Amino acid sequence: MSKNLSTCGLDCASCSFYLEKTCKGCRAVAPEGRCVWGGRCDLYDCAAGKNLDHCGQCEQFPCETLKEWAAAEGSERIQNLMDLKK
């Protein structure tokens, strides 16, 4: 079964905002700047600006920004993106 991953590799099935239906997933809300915390998502904007589906496709993967988010929000996102690359 494939995971519903955000641009930065977060599994939406483990996200309380997604589970509580306050977020439809970053691919649905981030392009319009409606992220659940009320601001822009730097990681989404970076990937979208490079025409990438997710951070794992970036030449700089994993960049320092992604590492910082992963350290604060869950390191499994980097592994999820590594798994996508396989």
N, C-alpha and C. Protein backbone atom coordinates (compact mmCIF):
# COMPACT_ATOMS: atom_id res chain seq x y z
N MET A 1 0.84 -1.18 0.00
CA MET A 1 0.00 0.00 0.00
C MET A 1 0.88 1.25 0.00
N SER A 2 0.65 2.16 -0.95
CA SER A 2 1.48 3.36 -1.02
C SER A 2 0.97 4.40 -0.03
N LYS A 3 1.89 5.21 0.41
CA LYS A 3 1.57 6.25 1.38
C LYS A 3 1.16 7.52 0.65
N ASN A 4 0.36 8.32 1.31
CA ASN A 4 0.01 9.65 0.83
C ASN A 4 1.02 10.60 1.45
N LEU A 5 2.06 10.93 0.70
CA LEU A 5 3.15 11.74 1.24
C LEU A 5 3.04 13.19 0.81
N SER A 6 3.41 14.05 1.75
CA SER A 6 3.52 15.47 1.43
C SER A 6 4.78 15.69 0.60
N THR A 7 4.96 16.90 0.13
CA THR A 7 6.14 17.25 -0.66
C THR A 7 7.43 16.97 0.11
N CYS A 8 7.40 17.16 1.43
CA CYS A 8 8.59 16.98 2.25
C CYS A 8 8.70 15.57 2.83
N GLY A 9 7.78 14.67 2.44
CA GLY A 9 7.89 13.28 2.86
C GLY A 9 7.09 12.89 4.08
N LEU A 10 6.33 13.81 4.65
CA LEU A 10 5.49 13.47 5.79
C LEU A 10 4.35 12.58 5.32
N ASP A 11 4.11 11.50 6.03
CA ASP A 11 2.99 10.62 5.72
C ASP A 11 1.72 11.26 6.26
N CYS A 12 0.84 11.65 5.36
CA CYS A 12 -0.39 12.35 5.78
C CYS A 12 -1.21 11.51 6.76
N ALA A 13 -1.11 10.19 6.68
CA ALA A 13 -1.86 9.32 7.58
C ALA A 13 -1.40 9.46 9.02
N SER A 14 -0.24 10.08 9.24
CA SER A 14 0.25 10.27 10.60
C SER A 14 0.14 11.73 11.06
N CYS A 15 -0.48 12.55 10.24
CA CYS A 15 -0.59 13.98 10.54
C CYS A 15 -1.95 14.28 11.15
N SER A 16 -1.95 14.88 12.33
CA SER A 16 -3.21 15.17 13.02
C SER A 16 -4.08 16.15 12.23
N PHE A 17 -3.48 17.12 11.54
CA PHE A 17 -4.26 18.07 10.76
C PHE A 17 -5.02 17.36 9.64
N TYR A 18 -4.35 16.42 8.99
CA TYR A 18 -4.97 15.67 7.90
C TYR A 18 -6.06 14.75 8.46
N LEU A 19 -5.75 14.09 9.55
CA LEU A 19 -6.70 13.15 10.15
C LEU A 19 -7.94 13.87 10.69
N GLU A 20 -7.76 15.08 11.19
CA GLU A 20 -8.88 15.87 11.70
C GLU A 20 -9.62 16.61 10.59
N LYS A 21 -9.18 16.38 9.36
CA LYS A 21 -9.80 16.99 8.17
C LYS A 21 -9.66 18.51 8.11
N THR A 22 -8.67 19.05 8.80
CA THR A 22 -8.42 20.49 8.70
C THR A 22 -7.41 20.79 7.60
N CYS A 23 -6.85 19.74 7.00
CA CYS A 23 -5.89 19.88 5.91
C CYS A 23 -6.21 18.81 4.86
N LYS A 24 -6.19 19.20 3.62
CA LYS A 24 -6.44 18.26 2.52
C LYS A 24 -5.15 17.74 1.92
N GLY A 25 -4.02 18.09 2.53
CA GLY A 25 -2.71 17.71 2.00
C GLY A 25 -2.06 18.90 1.34
N CYS A 26 -0.74 18.96 1.41
CA CYS A 26 -0.04 20.15 0.93
C CYS A 26 -0.21 20.38 -0.56
N ARG A 27 -0.35 19.32 -1.32
CA ARG A 27 -0.51 19.51 -2.76
C ARG A 27 -1.83 20.22 -3.08
N ALA A 28 -2.79 20.11 -2.18
CA ALA A 28 -4.09 20.78 -2.37
C ALA A 28 -4.10 22.20 -1.80
N VAL A 29 -3.42 22.43 -0.69
CA VAL A 29 -3.54 23.73 -0.03
C VAL A 29 -2.32 24.64 -0.16
N ALA A 30 -1.13 24.08 -0.24
CA ALA A 30 0.08 24.92 -0.27
C ALA A 30 0.18 25.81 -1.51
N PRO A 31 -0.26 25.37 -2.69
CA PRO A 31 -0.14 26.27 -3.84
C PRO A 31 -0.88 27.60 -3.64
N GLU A 32 -1.90 27.60 -2.83
CA GLU A 32 -2.66 28.81 -2.58
C GLU A 32 -2.25 29.49 -1.27
N GLY A 33 -1.24 28.95 -0.60
CA GLY A 33 -0.74 29.55 0.63
C GLY A 33 -1.65 29.37 1.82
N ARG A 34 -2.44 28.30 1.83
CA ARG A 34 -3.38 28.07 2.91
C ARG A 34 -2.91 26.99 3.87
N CYS A 35 -1.66 26.93 4.17
CA CYS A 35 -1.15 25.90 5.07
C CYS A 35 -1.82 26.00 6.43
N VAL A 36 -1.95 24.90 7.10
CA VAL A 36 -2.71 24.84 8.34
C VAL A 36 -2.15 25.76 9.43
N TRP A 37 -0.90 26.11 9.37
CA TRP A 37 -0.33 26.98 10.39
C TRP A 37 -0.44 28.45 9.98
N GLY A 38 -1.06 28.73 8.84
CA GLY A 38 -1.35 30.10 8.45
C GLY A 38 -0.29 30.79 7.63
N GLY A 39 0.71 30.09 7.19
CA GLY A 39 1.76 30.72 6.40
C GLY A 39 2.13 29.90 5.19
N ARG A 40 3.17 30.31 4.53
CA ARG A 40 3.68 29.59 3.37
C ARG A 40 4.57 28.45 3.86
N CYS A 41 4.66 27.40 3.08
CA CYS A 41 5.57 26.30 3.39
C CYS A 41 6.81 26.44 2.53
N ASP A 42 7.93 26.72 3.17
CA ASP A 42 9.19 26.91 2.44
C ASP A 42 9.58 25.68 1.64
N LEU A 43 9.33 24.50 2.21
CA LEU A 43 9.71 23.26 1.52
C LEU A 43 8.85 23.04 0.28
N TYR A 44 7.56 23.26 0.41
CA TYR A 44 6.68 23.13 -0.77
C TYR A 44 7.09 24.14 -1.83
N ASP A 45 7.26 25.41 -1.43
CA ASP A 45 7.60 26.46 -2.38
C ASP A 45 8.92 26.16 -3.10
N CYS A 46 9.88 25.63 -2.37
CA CYS A 46 11.18 25.30 -2.96
C CYS A 46 11.02 24.21 -4.02
N ALA A 47 10.34 23.13 -3.67
CA ALA A 47 10.15 22.02 -4.61
C ALA A 47 9.34 22.47 -5.82
N ALA A 48 8.26 23.21 -5.58
CA ALA A 48 7.42 23.68 -6.68
C ALA A 48 8.20 24.63 -7.59
N GLY A 49 9.04 25.46 -7.01
CA GLY A 49 9.85 26.39 -7.79
C GLY A 49 10.86 25.69 -8.69
N LYS A 50 11.19 24.46 -8.34
CA LYS A 50 12.12 23.66 -9.13
C LYS A 50 11.38 22.64 -9.99
N ASN A 51 10.05 22.75 -10.01
CA ASN A 51 9.19 21.81 -10.76
C ASN A 51 9.39 20.37 -10.32
N LEU A 52 9.54 20.17 -9.00
CA LEU A 52 9.70 18.83 -8.45
C LEU A 52 8.43 18.42 -7.72
N ASP A 53 8.12 17.13 -7.76
CA ASP A 53 6.95 16.62 -7.04
C ASP A 53 7.21 16.54 -5.55
N HIS A 54 8.47 16.30 -5.18
CA HIS A 54 8.82 16.18 -3.77
C HIS A 54 10.31 16.46 -3.58
N CYS A 55 10.67 16.70 -2.34
CA CYS A 55 12.05 17.07 -2.00
C CYS A 55 13.06 15.97 -2.36
N GLY A 56 12.63 14.73 -2.39
CA GLY A 56 13.54 13.64 -2.70
C GLY A 56 14.08 13.68 -4.12
N GLN A 57 13.46 14.46 -4.99
CA GLN A 57 13.92 14.59 -6.37
C GLN A 57 14.98 15.68 -6.55
N CYS A 58 15.23 16.42 -5.49
CA CYS A 58 16.14 17.56 -5.55
C CYS A 58 17.60 17.10 -5.52
N GLU A 59 18.45 17.80 -6.26
CA GLU A 59 19.88 17.50 -6.26
C GLU A 59 20.50 17.74 -4.89
N GLN A 60 19.90 18.60 -4.08
CA GLN A 60 20.44 18.93 -2.76
C GLN A 60 19.83 18.09 -1.64
N PHE A 61 19.04 17.10 -1.98
CA PHE A 61 18.37 16.24 -0.99
C PHE A 61 19.38 15.44 -0.20
N PRO A 62 19.26 15.41 1.11
CA PRO A 62 18.39 16.22 1.95
C PRO A 62 19.10 17.52 2.32
N CYS A 63 18.46 18.62 2.05
CA CYS A 63 19.05 19.93 2.32
C CYS A 63 18.93 20.26 3.82
N GLU A 64 19.57 21.32 4.23
CA GLU A 64 19.56 21.71 5.64
C GLU A 64 18.15 22.08 6.11
N THR A 65 17.36 22.72 5.24
CA THR A 65 16.00 23.10 5.63
C THR A 65 15.17 21.85 5.91
N LEU A 66 15.26 20.86 5.05
CA LEU A 66 14.52 19.62 5.25
C LEU A 66 15.00 18.91 6.52
N LYS A 67 16.30 18.90 6.74
CA LYS A 67 16.84 18.27 7.95
C LYS A 67 16.30 18.96 9.21
N GLU A 68 16.22 20.29 9.17
CA GLU A 68 15.69 21.04 10.32
C GLU A 68 14.23 20.68 10.58
N TRP A 69 13.41 20.63 9.52
CA TRP A 69 12.00 20.27 9.66
C TRP A 69 11.89 18.84 10.17
N ALA A 70 12.70 17.95 9.65
CA ALA A 70 12.64 16.55 10.06
C ALA A 70 13.03 16.40 11.52
N ALA A 71 14.01 17.16 11.97
CA ALA A 71 14.44 17.08 13.37
C ALA A 71 13.33 17.54 14.30
N ALA A 72 12.57 18.54 13.87
CA ALA A 72 11.52 19.09 14.71
C ALA A 72 10.19 18.35 14.57
N GLU A 73 9.93 17.82 13.39
CA GLU A 73 8.60 17.29 13.08
C GLU A 73 8.55 15.80 12.80
N GLY A 74 9.67 15.12 12.76
CA GLY A 74 9.64 13.69 12.49
C GLY A 74 10.63 13.30 11.41
N SER A 75 11.64 12.57 11.79
CA SER A 75 12.71 12.22 10.85
C SER A 75 12.28 11.19 9.82
N GLU A 76 11.13 10.55 10.01
CA GLU A 76 10.70 9.53 9.05
C GLU A 76 10.46 10.13 7.68
N ARG A 77 10.23 11.42 7.59
CA ARG A 77 9.96 12.03 6.28
C ARG A 77 11.15 11.87 5.34
N ILE A 78 12.38 11.97 5.85
CA ILE A 78 13.55 11.80 4.98
C ILE A 78 13.63 10.35 4.50
N GLN A 79 13.38 9.40 5.39
CA GLN A 79 13.39 8.01 4.97
C GLN A 79 12.29 7.72 3.96
N ASN A 80 11.11 8.31 4.16
CA ASN A 80 10.01 8.13 3.20
C ASN A 80 10.43 8.60 1.81
N LEU A 81 11.12 9.73 1.74
CA LEU A 81 11.57 10.26 0.45
C LEU A 81 12.67 9.40 -0.14
N MET A 82 13.55 8.87 0.69
CA MET A 82 14.59 7.96 0.22
C MET A 82 13.95 6.70 -0.38
N ASP A 83 12.89 6.22 0.26
CA ASP A 83 12.18 5.04 -0.24
C ASP A 83 11.55 5.31 -1.61
N LEU A 84 11.06 6.54 -1.83
CA LEU A 84 10.49 6.90 -3.12
C LEU A 84 11.54 6.86 -4.24
N LYS A 85 12.77 7.18 -3.89
CA LYS A 85 13.85 7.22 -4.88
C LYS A 85 14.27 5.84 -5.37
N LYS A 86 13.94 4.81 -4.57
CA LYS A 86 14.38 3.45 -4.91
C LYS A 86 13.64 2.90 -6.09
